[in-house]
Structure formats: C-alpha cells, structure tokens
C-alpha cells in the first residue's frame, strides 16, 4: 500500500482500513507471543501502514480545516 492509493480514499474508507490494520497488528503480536509467527517482516509492514494511514488522515483533516 502506498500513499498515492491512500490519498484517493475517503476519510471513512481510511478509518475502516485503519481498523483492519490494527486488528491485523494485534493478531500478529499474539502470534509472535505464542511462537506461531512465520513472517516477522509483516509486523513491520503493518506498523508502517498504520502510520501511513494516520498521516494521510491528518493531512486530509488539516486540508479541510484550512478550507473553512
């Protein structure tokens, strides 16, 4: 997932994406704690995706505030 794809989404779609990513991050942490995690790189990727979504949401909120 890249920032260009995220910029095209609406804030509601971004919030839904954020919820899904946070659930996945929780599941990955749980798997890591129980020793069942196979792809450890996925944890890093999910954390970065969460940060990317939050950044785009904040940018959209700032743009909306300036427009008013």
N, C-alpha and C. Protein backbone atom coordinates (compact mmCIF):
# COMPACT_ATOMS: atom_id res chain seq x y z
N UNK A 1 0.85 -1.17 0.00
CA UNK A 1 0.00 0.00 0.00
C UNK A 1 0.90 1.24 0.00
N UNK A 2 0.59 2.18 -0.89
CA UNK A 2 1.38 3.39 -0.92
C UNK A 2 0.51 4.61 -0.65
N UNK A 3 1.15 5.75 -0.46
CA UNK A 3 0.43 6.96 -0.07
C UNK A 3 -0.49 7.44 -1.18
N UNK A 4 -0.12 7.22 -2.44
CA UNK A 4 -0.98 7.65 -3.54
C UNK A 4 -2.33 6.95 -3.48
N UNK A 5 -2.32 5.65 -3.21
CA UNK A 5 -3.57 4.90 -3.10
C UNK A 5 -4.41 5.42 -1.95
N UNK A 6 -3.76 5.77 -0.85
CA UNK A 6 -4.48 6.24 0.33
C UNK A 6 -5.07 7.62 0.12
N UNK A 7 -4.38 8.47 -0.63
CA UNK A 7 -4.87 9.83 -0.86
C UNK A 7 -6.17 9.83 -1.67
N UNK A 8 -6.39 8.78 -2.44
CA UNK A 8 -7.59 8.68 -3.27
C UNK A 8 -8.81 8.22 -2.47
N UNK A 9 -8.59 7.69 -1.28
CA UNK A 9 -9.70 7.17 -0.48
C UNK A 9 -10.34 8.28 0.36
N UNK A 10 -11.59 8.05 0.73
CA UNK A 10 -12.28 9.00 1.59
C UNK A 10 -11.86 8.76 3.04
N UNK A 11 -12.08 9.75 3.91
CA UNK A 11 -11.73 9.55 5.33
C UNK A 11 -12.42 8.34 5.96
N UNK A 12 -13.66 8.06 5.57
CA UNK A 12 -14.34 6.88 6.12
C UNK A 12 -13.65 5.60 5.69
N UNK A 13 -13.24 5.53 4.43
CA UNK A 13 -12.52 4.35 3.95
C UNK A 13 -11.18 4.21 4.65
N UNK A 14 -10.54 5.33 4.92
CA UNK A 14 -9.25 5.29 5.63
C UNK A 14 -9.43 4.79 7.06
N UNK A 15 -10.51 5.23 7.71
CA UNK A 15 -10.76 4.76 9.08
C UNK A 15 -11.04 3.25 9.11
N UNK A 16 -11.76 2.77 8.12
CA UNK A 16 -12.02 1.33 8.02
C UNK A 16 -10.71 0.57 7.81
N UNK A 17 -9.86 1.10 6.95
CA UNK A 17 -8.56 0.49 6.68
C UNK A 17 -7.71 0.47 7.96
N UNK A 18 -7.78 1.55 8.73
CA UNK A 18 -7.02 1.65 9.97
C UNK A 18 -7.49 0.59 10.97
N UNK A 19 -8.78 0.38 11.07
CA UNK A 19 -9.31 -0.63 11.98
C UNK A 19 -8.82 -2.02 11.58
N UNK A 20 -8.86 -2.31 10.29
CA UNK A 20 -8.41 -3.61 9.81
C UNK A 20 -6.92 -3.81 10.09
N UNK A 21 -6.12 -2.78 9.86
CA UNK A 21 -4.68 -2.89 10.10
C UNK A 21 -4.37 -3.08 11.58
N UNK A 22 -5.12 -2.40 12.44
CA UNK A 22 -4.88 -2.56 13.88
C UNK A 22 -5.27 -3.95 14.35
N UNK A 23 -6.33 -4.51 13.78
CA UNK A 23 -6.70 -5.89 14.12
C UNK A 23 -5.61 -6.85 13.68
N UNK A 24 -5.09 -6.63 12.47
CA UNK A 24 -4.03 -7.49 11.97
C UNK A 24 -2.78 -7.38 12.85
N UNK A 25 -2.46 -6.16 13.27
CA UNK A 25 -1.29 -5.96 14.13
C UNK A 25 -1.47 -6.70 15.45
N UNK A 26 -2.67 -6.65 16.00
CA UNK A 26 -2.94 -7.37 17.25
C UNK A 26 -2.75 -8.87 17.05
N UNK A 27 -3.31 -9.40 15.96
CA UNK A 27 -3.18 -10.83 15.69
C UNK A 27 -1.72 -11.23 15.49
N UNK A 28 -0.96 -10.38 14.82
CA UNK A 28 0.46 -10.68 14.61
C UNK A 28 1.23 -10.67 15.93
N UNK A 29 0.91 -9.71 16.81
CA UNK A 29 1.58 -9.68 18.12
C UNK A 29 1.23 -10.92 18.92
N UNK A 30 -0.01 -11.35 18.84
CA UNK A 30 -0.45 -12.54 19.56
C UNK A 30 0.30 -13.77 19.03
N UNK A 31 0.42 -13.87 17.70
CA UNK A 31 1.14 -15.00 17.11
C UNK A 31 2.61 -14.98 17.50
N UNK A 32 3.20 -13.80 17.56
CA UNK A 32 4.61 -13.69 17.95
C UNK A 32 4.81 -14.13 19.39
N UNK A 33 3.86 -13.78 20.25
CA UNK A 33 3.97 -14.13 21.66
C UNK A 33 3.84 -15.63 21.88
N UNK A 34 3.06 -16.29 21.02
CA UNK A 34 2.85 -17.73 21.19
C UNK A 34 3.82 -18.55 20.34
N UNK A 35 4.69 -17.86 19.60
CA UNK A 35 5.68 -18.57 18.80
C UNK A 35 5.15 -19.12 17.49
N UNK A 36 4.02 -18.64 17.03
CA UNK A 36 3.41 -19.16 15.81
C UNK A 36 3.64 -18.27 14.59
N UNK A 37 4.31 -17.14 14.78
CA UNK A 37 4.50 -16.18 13.70
C UNK A 37 5.58 -16.67 12.74
N UNK A 38 5.23 -16.76 11.47
CA UNK A 38 6.19 -17.23 10.47
C UNK A 38 6.86 -16.07 9.75
N UNK A 39 6.08 -15.06 9.37
CA UNK A 39 6.62 -13.94 8.62
C UNK A 39 6.76 -12.73 9.54
N UNK A 40 7.93 -12.58 10.15
CA UNK A 40 8.14 -11.50 11.10
C UNK A 40 8.20 -10.14 10.42
N UNK A 41 8.53 -10.11 9.14
CA UNK A 41 8.60 -8.84 8.42
C UNK A 41 7.22 -8.21 8.27
N UNK A 42 6.18 -9.01 8.34
CA UNK A 42 4.82 -8.50 8.18
C UNK A 42 4.46 -7.55 9.33
N UNK A 43 4.99 -7.77 10.52
CA UNK A 43 4.72 -6.88 11.66
C UNK A 43 5.21 -5.47 11.35
N UNK A 44 6.41 -5.38 10.82
CA UNK A 44 6.98 -4.08 10.48
C UNK A 44 6.17 -3.40 9.39
N UNK A 45 5.76 -4.17 8.41
CA UNK A 45 4.98 -3.62 7.30
C UNK A 45 3.63 -3.09 7.77
N UNK A 46 2.98 -3.81 8.67
CA UNK A 46 1.67 -3.40 9.18
C UNK A 46 1.82 -2.13 10.01
N UNK A 47 2.85 -2.06 10.84
CA UNK A 47 3.06 -0.86 11.66
C UNK A 47 3.28 0.36 10.78
N UNK A 48 4.02 0.20 9.71
CA UNK A 48 4.27 1.32 8.80
C UNK A 48 2.99 1.70 8.05
N UNK A 49 2.19 0.71 7.70
CA UNK A 49 0.92 1.01 7.02
C UNK A 49 -0.02 1.78 7.95
N UNK A 50 -0.04 1.42 9.23
CA UNK A 50 -0.86 2.14 10.20
C UNK A 50 -0.40 3.60 10.27
N UNK A 51 0.89 3.80 10.34
CA UNK A 51 1.43 5.16 10.40
C UNK A 51 1.10 5.93 9.13
N UNK A 52 1.18 5.27 7.99
CA UNK A 52 0.88 5.90 6.71
C UNK A 52 -0.58 6.34 6.65
N UNK A 53 -1.49 5.48 7.10
CA UNK A 53 -2.91 5.82 7.09
C UNK A 53 -3.18 6.99 8.03
N UNK A 54 -2.57 6.96 9.21
CA UNK A 54 -2.74 8.07 10.15
C UNK A 54 -2.23 9.38 9.57
N UNK A 55 -1.12 9.34 8.88
CA UNK A 55 -0.56 10.54 8.27
C UNK A 55 -1.52 11.12 7.24
N UNK A 56 -2.05 10.26 6.38
CA UNK A 56 -2.96 10.73 5.34
C UNK A 56 -4.25 11.28 5.96
N UNK A 57 -4.75 10.63 7.00
CA UNK A 57 -5.94 11.14 7.69
C UNK A 57 -5.68 12.53 8.27
N UNK A 58 -4.51 12.71 8.88
CA UNK A 58 -4.18 14.02 9.46
C UNK A 58 -4.02 15.08 8.38
N UNK A 59 -3.45 14.71 7.24
CA UNK A 59 -3.30 15.65 6.14
C UNK A 59 -4.66 16.08 5.61
N UNK A 60 -5.57 15.12 5.48
CA UNK A 60 -6.91 15.45 5.00
C UNK A 60 -7.65 16.33 6.00
N UNK A 61 -7.48 16.08 7.29
CA UNK A 61 -8.13 16.90 8.31
C UNK A 61 -7.57 18.32 8.29
N UNK A 62 -6.26 18.45 8.11
CA UNK A 62 -5.65 19.78 8.06
C UNK A 62 -6.11 20.54 6.82
N UNK A 63 -6.23 19.84 5.70
CA UNK A 63 -6.69 20.48 4.48
C UNK A 63 -8.13 20.94 4.62
N UNK A 64 -8.95 20.14 5.28
CA UNK A 64 -10.34 20.51 5.50
C UNK A 64 -10.45 21.72 6.43
N UNK A 65 -9.58 21.78 7.43
CA UNK A 65 -9.60 22.90 8.38
C UNK A 65 -9.17 24.19 7.70
N UNK A 66 -8.22 24.10 6.78
CA UNK A 66 -7.77 25.30 6.08
C UNK A 66 -8.82 25.77 5.09
N UNK A 67 -9.59 24.85 4.55
CA UNK A 67 -10.60 25.20 3.57
C UNK A 67 -11.76 25.96 4.18
N UNK A 68 -11.93 25.84 5.47
CA UNK A 68 -13.08 26.50 6.12
C UNK A 68 -12.80 27.95 6.39
